[in-house]
Each structure stands twice: as structure tokens, then as C-alpha cells.
Protein backbone atom coordinates (compact mmCIF):
# COMPACT_ATOMS: atom_id res chain seq x y z
CA MET A 1 62.56 59.50 -13.25
CA SER A 2 59.83 58.20 -15.52
CA GLU A 3 57.20 60.32 -17.11
CA ALA A 4 53.59 59.58 -16.33
CA ARG A 5 51.64 58.45 -19.35
CA VAL A 6 48.68 60.63 -20.08
CA LYS A 7 45.83 58.91 -21.80
CA PRO A 8 44.80 61.11 -24.74
CA ILE A 9 41.19 62.16 -24.93
CA VAL A 10 39.64 60.66 -28.03
CA LEU A 11 36.59 62.47 -29.32
CA ARG A 12 34.27 59.99 -30.97
CA ALA A 13 31.66 60.90 -33.50
CA ASP A 14 28.14 60.69 -32.20
CA ARG A 15 24.66 61.26 -33.58
CA GLU A 16 24.77 64.88 -32.55
CA SER A 17 27.90 65.60 -34.58
CA ALA A 18 25.93 65.11 -37.80
CA VAL A 19 23.63 68.03 -37.04
CA ALA A 20 24.05 71.11 -39.16
CA SER A 21 23.82 74.55 -37.58
CA GLY A 22 20.67 75.30 -39.59
CA ASP A 23 18.81 72.14 -38.54
CA LYS A 24 15.62 72.41 -36.53
CA LEU A 25 15.97 72.94 -32.80
CA GLU A 26 13.75 69.92 -32.09
CA LEU A 27 16.16 67.66 -34.01
CA LYS A 28 19.15 69.13 -32.17
CA VAL A 29 17.50 68.53 -28.78
CA TRP A 30 16.56 64.95 -29.71
CA LEU A 31 20.10 64.14 -30.83
CA ARG A 32 21.62 65.83 -27.76
CA LEU A 33 19.38 63.73 -25.49
CA LEU A 34 20.29 60.56 -27.36
CA THR A 35 23.99 61.37 -27.24
CA CYS A 36 23.91 62.09 -23.49
CA ALA A 37 21.96 58.90 -22.76
CA ASN A 38 24.32 56.80 -24.88
CA LEU A 39 27.44 58.32 -23.29
CA ILE A 40 26.20 57.79 -19.74
CA GLU A 41 24.93 54.29 -20.46
CA GLY A 42 28.21 53.30 -22.12
CA GLN A 43 30.26 54.54 -19.19
CA VAL A 44 28.03 52.77 -16.66
CA ARG A 45 28.24 49.53 -18.68
CA ASN A 46 32.04 49.70 -18.73
CA LEU A 47 32.33 50.58 -15.05
CA LEU A 48 30.00 47.77 -13.97
CA ARG A 49 31.98 45.30 -16.06
CA GLU A 50 35.38 46.55 -14.84
CA ASN A 51 34.48 46.91 -11.16
CA PHE A 52 31.91 44.19 -10.54
CA ALA A 53 32.20 41.79 -13.50
CA THR A 54 28.53 42.32 -14.25
CA SER A 55 26.39 43.82 -16.98
CA LEU A 56 23.98 46.73 -16.98
CA PRO A 57 20.94 44.48 -17.63
CA ARG A 58 21.89 42.33 -14.61
CA PHE A 59 22.32 45.43 -12.46
CA ASP A 60 18.99 46.84 -13.66
CA LEU A 61 17.13 43.60 -12.89
CA LEU A 62 18.65 43.45 -9.40
CA ALA A 63 17.73 47.12 -8.88
CA GLN A 64 14.10 46.47 -9.78
CA LEU A 65 13.94 43.54 -7.38
CA ASP A 66 15.61 45.61 -4.66
CA ARG A 67 12.81 48.18 -5.03
CA ALA A 68 10.17 45.43 -4.67
CA PRO A 69 11.18 43.19 -1.75
CA GLU A 70 7.88 41.29 -2.05
CA GLY A 71 8.96 40.23 -5.55
CA LEU A 72 7.88 40.87 -9.12
CA THR A 73 6.40 38.68 -11.82
CA MET A 74 8.27 38.23 -15.07
CA GLY A 75 5.71 40.46 -16.78
CA GLU A 76 6.19 43.21 -14.20
CA LEU A 77 9.96 42.99 -14.59
CA SER A 78 9.67 43.03 -18.38
CA SER A 79 7.51 46.15 -18.21
CA ARG A 80 9.77 47.96 -15.73
CA LEU A 81 12.91 47.11 -17.70
CA MET A 82 11.20 47.89 -21.03
CA VAL A 83 12.37 44.62 -22.61
CA THR A 84 10.65 41.47 -23.82
CA ASN A 85 9.71 38.61 -21.52
CA GLY A 86 12.27 36.46 -23.35
CA ASN A 87 15.09 38.83 -22.42
CA VAL A 88 14.00 38.82 -18.78
CA THR A 89 13.64 35.03 -18.68
CA ALA A 90 17.20 34.35 -19.87
CA LEU A 91 18.63 36.93 -17.48
CA ALA A 92 16.51 35.71 -14.55
CA ASP A 93 17.49 32.09 -15.22
CA ALA A 94 21.17 33.01 -15.01
CA LEU A 95 20.70 34.99 -11.80
CA VAL A 96 18.70 32.14 -10.24
CA ARG A 97 21.49 29.66 -11.14
CA GLU A 98 24.01 31.98 -9.48
CA GLY A 99 21.90 32.21 -6.33
CA LEU A 100 21.30 35.96 -6.61
CA VAL A 101 17.57 35.68 -7.34
CA LEU A 102 14.89 33.34 -6.00
CA ARG A 103 11.74 32.12 -7.75
CA ALA A 104 8.63 31.67 -5.65
CA VAL A 105 4.91 31.21 -6.13
CA HIS A 106 3.21 34.59 -6.34
CA PRO A 107 1.54 35.38 -3.00
CA SER A 108 -1.81 36.44 -4.51
CA ASP A 109 -1.86 34.30 -7.69
CA ARG A 110 -0.70 30.71 -7.17
CA ARG A 111 -0.54 30.23 -10.96
CA SER A 112 2.22 32.83 -11.30
CA LEU A 113 5.81 32.90 -10.21
CA CYS A 114 7.58 35.93 -8.88
CA LEU A 115 11.24 36.73 -8.49
CA ARG A 116 12.91 38.35 -5.53
CA LEU A 117 16.45 38.96 -4.39
CA SER A 118 18.15 36.25 -2.37
CA ALA A 119 20.31 37.27 0.59
CA ASP A 120 23.38 36.90 -1.66
CA GLY A 121 21.66 38.98 -4.36
CA LYS A 122 20.87 41.71 -1.84
CA ARG A 123 24.49 41.77 -0.63
CA ALA A 124 25.81 41.89 -4.21
CA PHE A 125 23.45 44.70 -5.18
CA ASP A 126 24.17 46.66 -1.99
CA ALA A 127 27.90 46.41 -2.77
CA MET A 128 27.36 47.93 -6.24
CA THR A 129 24.93 50.69 -5.26
CA PRO A 130 27.36 53.21 -3.69
CA ALA A 131 29.74 52.95 -6.65
CA HIS A 132 26.88 53.31 -9.15
CA GLU A 133 25.57 56.39 -7.32
CA GLU A 134 29.07 57.90 -7.28
CA TRP A 135 29.47 57.33 -11.03
CA ILE A 136 26.13 58.95 -11.82
CA ASP A 137 26.86 61.85 -9.46
CA GLY A 138 30.20 62.35 -11.22
CA MET A 139 28.63 62.37 -14.66
CA MET A 140 26.07 64.94 -13.53
CA GLY A 141 28.65 66.88 -11.52
CA GLU A 142 28.72 70.00 -13.65
CA LEU A 143 25.04 70.62 -12.99
CA GLY A 144 23.95 72.27 -9.76
CA ARG A 145 20.98 71.04 -7.71
CA ASP A 146 18.68 73.71 -9.16
CA GLU A 147 19.76 72.84 -12.70
CA LEU A 148 19.18 69.13 -12.08
CA ALA A 149 15.73 69.81 -10.66
CA ARG A 150 14.86 72.01 -13.65
CA LEU A 151 16.18 69.41 -16.10
CA LEU A 152 14.12 66.72 -14.36
CA ASP A 153 11.00 68.88 -14.67
CA LEU A 154 11.65 69.62 -18.34
CA LEU A 155 12.33 65.98 -19.15
CA GLY A 156 9.11 65.04 -17.35
CA LYS A 157 7.22 67.49 -19.55
CA LEU A 158 8.90 66.01 -22.65
CA LYS A 159 8.05 62.49 -21.50
CA ARG A 160 4.37 63.41 -21.03
CA ALA A 161 4.27 64.98 -24.51
CA ALA A 162 5.91 61.91 -26.05
CA ARG A 163 3.42 59.63 -24.29
CA ARG A 164 0.49 61.74 -25.53
CA ASN A 165 1.89 61.59 -29.05
CA GLU A 166 2.35 57.82 -28.74
CA ARG A 167 -1.37 57.38 -28.08
CA LEU A 168 -2.23 59.41 -31.19
CA SER A 169 -0.24 57.20 -33.55
């Protein structure tokens, strides 16, 4: 009878681990948010790569196009993904070559091009969506519905404050 190998849990240092107990609460919250976002993003990146041989930026671009069946311009995609036009262009070019995304003349501005999912792109994205949702649900699993709703409200308030502060600088 062979013994099952248990993968040891390795605790990695993160930004939050550098916080001292006497540091300001605002700093602790900021580093906790950053740590949580980095942990979740890293896990999603790995799971997408392992399960679908794709990257998070590719998934994100497909997700944006899925939400806009009429298509999006490169500028709209860049804004929604919060990356430069150059990053979107290289990614879009690859997805067009693979047949997952189509380029077309923009319906209301013939000088612009827009991107939309191809039928193959829609099938590929739809295959990834249930797994992605399950992963996110699992990572949020220790929080109840009321806690998630409260956290969403609080993060919305923080986002509004950060945006107000951004305009002041």
C-alpha cells in the first residue's frame, strides 16, 4: 500500500507581511487589498494556463467582447482593460489570427474598426466561463452573501474616494 503524497503548504512572503503592528490602519488595508488581488489574480492566471492553455489577458479581452456583442473599438477595449492601445493591438492580432476574434468596420464610424467575438471565440469563451466562475466562487467561499455584498459596497466607496483623490492630484 502506497502512501498518498501530501503537497506541503508553502507560505510565501507578500507585501502585507512587511507591515508592523504599529503601522497605520490605512496602510494595512491597502496592503491587504493588494495581497488579496495578487493572490486571486495569480491563481486565476495559473488555472487558465493549466486548464485552457490561455492567459488572463486573453481571457479578459474575450470577456469584454462577450459583454459587447456589437463589438468594441481598440480604444474602448484599451479603456475597459486598463492597458495601452499597443497591448490590446498585439493581443487582438493574435486572437484574430487564431480565428477567435473578428475585425470589422465600425457600424457608426466607417473610419474605425471594431472587434467582436467570432463563433469559435464565443464557443471558447463559453467553455471557460463556468470554470472561471467556479474558481472565483471557491476563492470567495469563506464569505457569506451578506459579507460579499457589504464588501462590494465598501470597495465601491473606496473606489469613489480614490477617483475623487485622483482628480485632485
